Amino acid sequence: MLLFSATFEDSVWGFAEKVVPDPNIIRLRREEETLDTIKQFYILCSEEEEKFSARCDLYGGLTVAQAMIFCRVRSRTTGDVTIYR
């Protein structure tokens, strides 16, 4: 199991500890969080329809293996990606 996040709430850590009792954890120092070879950008969206459209556009130009998209609300994002497929 792989978990990626800029922040983890205590509930996520609790879940992870139950699923993987002896995990390998990799944490980066602030200066190691970005690489010159990785492109990072953000898209500001004011409405839900814009967010869905932005995610569809991103996945239209990239494969899932090429991208990691962070969203604030997982349940809504998961539903949108399922609809997009």
C-alpha atoms as a PDB file:
ATOM      1  CA  MET A   1       0.000   0.000   0.000  1.00  0.00           C
ATOM      2  CA  LEU A   2       1.271   3.451  -0.867  1.00  0.00           C
ATOM      3  CA  LEU A   3      -0.018   6.625   0.749  1.00  0.00           C
ATOM      4  CA  PHE A   4       0.986  10.067  -0.485  1.00  0.00           C
ATOM      5  CA  SER A   5       0.076  13.373   1.076  1.00  0.00           C
ATOM      6  CA  ALA A   6       1.475  16.714   2.022  1.00  0.00           C
ATOM      7  CA  THR A   7      -0.437  16.318   5.283  1.00  0.00           C
ATOM      8  CA  PHE A   8      -1.936  13.338   7.095  1.00  0.00           C
ATOM      9  CA  GLU A   9      -4.626  13.601   9.730  1.00  0.00           C
ATOM     10  CA  ASP A  10      -4.381  11.364  12.800  1.00  0.00           C
ATOM     11  CA  SER A  11      -7.267   9.242  11.494  1.00  0.00           C
ATOM     12  CA  VAL A  12      -5.282   8.452   8.328  1.00  0.00           C
ATOM     13  CA  TRP A  13      -2.221   7.459  10.358  1.00  0.00           C
ATOM     14  CA  GLY A  14      -4.456   5.237  12.514  1.00  0.00           C
ATOM     15  CA  PHE A  15      -5.908   3.529   9.446  1.00  0.00           C
ATOM     16  CA  ALA A  16      -2.453   3.048   7.921  1.00  0.00           C
ATOM     17  CA  GLU A  17      -1.084   1.504  11.120  1.00  0.00           C
ATOM     18  CA  LYS A  18      -3.946  -1.028  11.169  1.00  0.00           C
ATOM     19  CA  VAL A  19      -3.518  -2.002   7.529  1.00  0.00           C
ATOM     20  CA  VAL A  20       0.295  -2.019   7.510  1.00  0.00           C
ATOM     21  CA  PRO A  21       1.580  -2.683  11.033  1.00  0.00           C
ATOM     22  CA  ASP A  22       5.314  -2.221  10.299  1.00  0.00           C
ATOM     23  CA  PRO A  23       5.474   0.315   7.433  1.00  0.00           C
ATOM     24  CA  ASN A  24       8.440   1.883   5.711  1.00  0.00           C
ATOM     25  CA  ILE A  25       7.905   5.623   6.003  1.00  0.00           C
ATOM     26  CA  ILE A  26       9.716   8.095   3.782  1.00  0.00           C
ATOM     27  CA  ARG A  27       9.609  11.724   4.827  1.00  0.00           C
ATOM     28  CA  LEU A  28      11.378  14.479   3.011  1.00  0.00           C
ATOM     29  CA  ARG A  29      13.034  17.590   4.315  1.00  0.00           C
ATOM     30  CA  ARG A  30      11.439  20.782   3.014  1.00  0.00           C
ATOM     31  CA  GLU A  31      14.298  21.382   0.561  1.00  0.00           C
ATOM     32  CA  GLU A  32      13.858  17.854  -0.865  1.00  0.00           C
ATOM     33  CA  GLU A  33      10.140  18.182  -1.589  1.00  0.00           C
ATOM     34  CA  THR A  34      10.566  19.328  -5.176  1.00  0.00           C
ATOM     35  CA  LEU A  35      12.792  18.199  -8.019  1.00  0.00           C
ATOM     36  CA  ASP A  36      13.860  20.043 -11.144  1.00  0.00           C
ATOM     37  CA  THR A  37      12.629  17.119 -13.260  1.00  0.00           C
ATOM     38  CA  ILE A  38       9.084  17.177 -11.837  1.00  0.00           C
ATOM     39  CA  LYS A  39       6.612  19.738 -13.099  1.00  0.00           C
ATOM     40  CA  GLN A  40       4.282  21.054 -10.432  1.00  0.00           C
ATOM     41  CA  PHE A  41       1.373  23.389 -10.925  1.00  0.00           C
ATOM     42  CA  TYR A  42      -2.013  24.152  -9.512  1.00  0.00           C
ATOM     43  CA  ILE A  43      -5.343  25.114 -10.987  1.00  0.00           C
ATOM     44  CA  LEU A  44      -7.663  27.456  -9.119  1.00  0.00           C
ATOM     45  CA  CYS A  45     -11.305  26.493  -9.583  1.00  0.00           C
ATOM     46  CA  SER A  46     -14.209  28.339  -8.047  1.00  0.00           C
ATOM     47  CA  GLU A  47     -17.008  25.881  -8.829  1.00  0.00           C
ATOM     48  CA  GLU A  48     -17.403  22.093  -8.754  1.00  0.00           C
ATOM     49  CA  GLU A  49     -17.938  21.865 -12.513  1.00  0.00           C
ATOM     50  CA  GLU A  50     -14.627  23.648 -13.079  1.00  0.00           C
ATOM     51  CA  LYS A  51     -12.861  21.193 -10.785  1.00  0.00           C
ATOM     52  CA  PHE A  52     -14.272  18.190 -12.629  1.00  0.00           C
ATOM     53  CA  SER A  53     -13.363  19.701 -15.990  1.00  0.00           C
ATOM     54  CA  ALA A  54      -9.825  20.485 -14.814  1.00  0.00           C
ATOM     55  CA  ARG A  55      -9.280  16.905 -13.624  1.00  0.00           C
ATOM     56  CA  CYS A  56     -10.637  15.530 -16.907  1.00  0.00           C
ATOM     57  CA  ASP A  57      -8.293  17.821 -18.847  1.00  0.00           C
ATOM     58  CA  LEU A  58      -5.313  16.694 -16.774  1.00  0.00           C
ATOM     59  CA  TYR A  59      -6.070  13.012 -17.219  1.00  0.00           C
ATOM     60  CA  GLY A  60      -6.748  13.591 -20.921  1.00  0.00           C
ATOM     61  CA  GLY A  61      -3.153  14.715 -21.426  1.00  0.00           C
ATOM     62  CA  LEU A  62      -1.388  12.416 -18.964  1.00  0.00           C
ATOM     63  CA  THR A  63      -1.510   8.777 -18.038  1.00  0.00           C
ATOM     64  CA  VAL A  64      -2.325   7.806 -14.479  1.00  0.00           C
ATOM     65  CA  ALA A  65       1.305   6.671 -14.096  1.00  0.00           C
ATOM     66  CA  GLN A  66       2.535  10.160 -15.022  1.00  0.00           C
ATOM     67  CA  ALA A  67       0.428  12.214 -12.644  1.00  0.00           C
ATOM     68  CA  MET A  68      -0.440  12.587  -9.014  1.00  0.00           C
ATOM     69  CA  ILE A  69      -3.357  14.917  -8.388  1.00  0.00           C
ATOM     70  CA  PHE A  70      -4.064  16.110  -4.856  1.00  0.00           C
ATOM     71  CA  CYS A  71      -7.617  17.136  -4.038  1.00  0.00           C
ATOM     72  CA  ARG A  72      -9.178  18.349  -0.820  1.00  0.00           C
ATOM     73  CA  VAL A  73     -12.227  16.032  -0.826  1.00  0.00           C
ATOM     74  CA  ARG A  74     -11.480  12.418  -1.755  1.00  0.00           C
ATOM     75  CA  SER A  75     -15.048  11.083  -1.906  1.00  0.00           C
ATOM     76  CA  ARG A  76     -16.185  13.653  -4.452  1.00  0.00           C
ATOM     77  CA  THR A  77     -13.017  13.231  -6.513  1.00  0.00           C
ATOM     78  CA  THR A  78     -13.328   9.441  -6.574  1.00  0.00           C
ATOM     79  CA  GLY A  79     -16.887   9.715  -7.842  1.00  0.00           C
ATOM     80  CA  ASP A  80     -15.879  12.171 -10.539  1.00  0.00           C
ATOM     81  CA  VAL A  81     -13.029   9.986 -11.781  1.00  0.00           C
ATOM     82  CA  THR A  82     -15.370   6.987 -11.911  1.00  0.00           C
ATOM     83  CA  ILE A  83     -17.826   9.007 -14.012  1.00  0.00           C
ATOM     84  CA  TYR A  84     -15.001  10.156 -16.309  1.00  0.00           C
ATOM     85  CA  ARG A  85     -13.905   6.584 -17.064  1.00  0.00           C
END
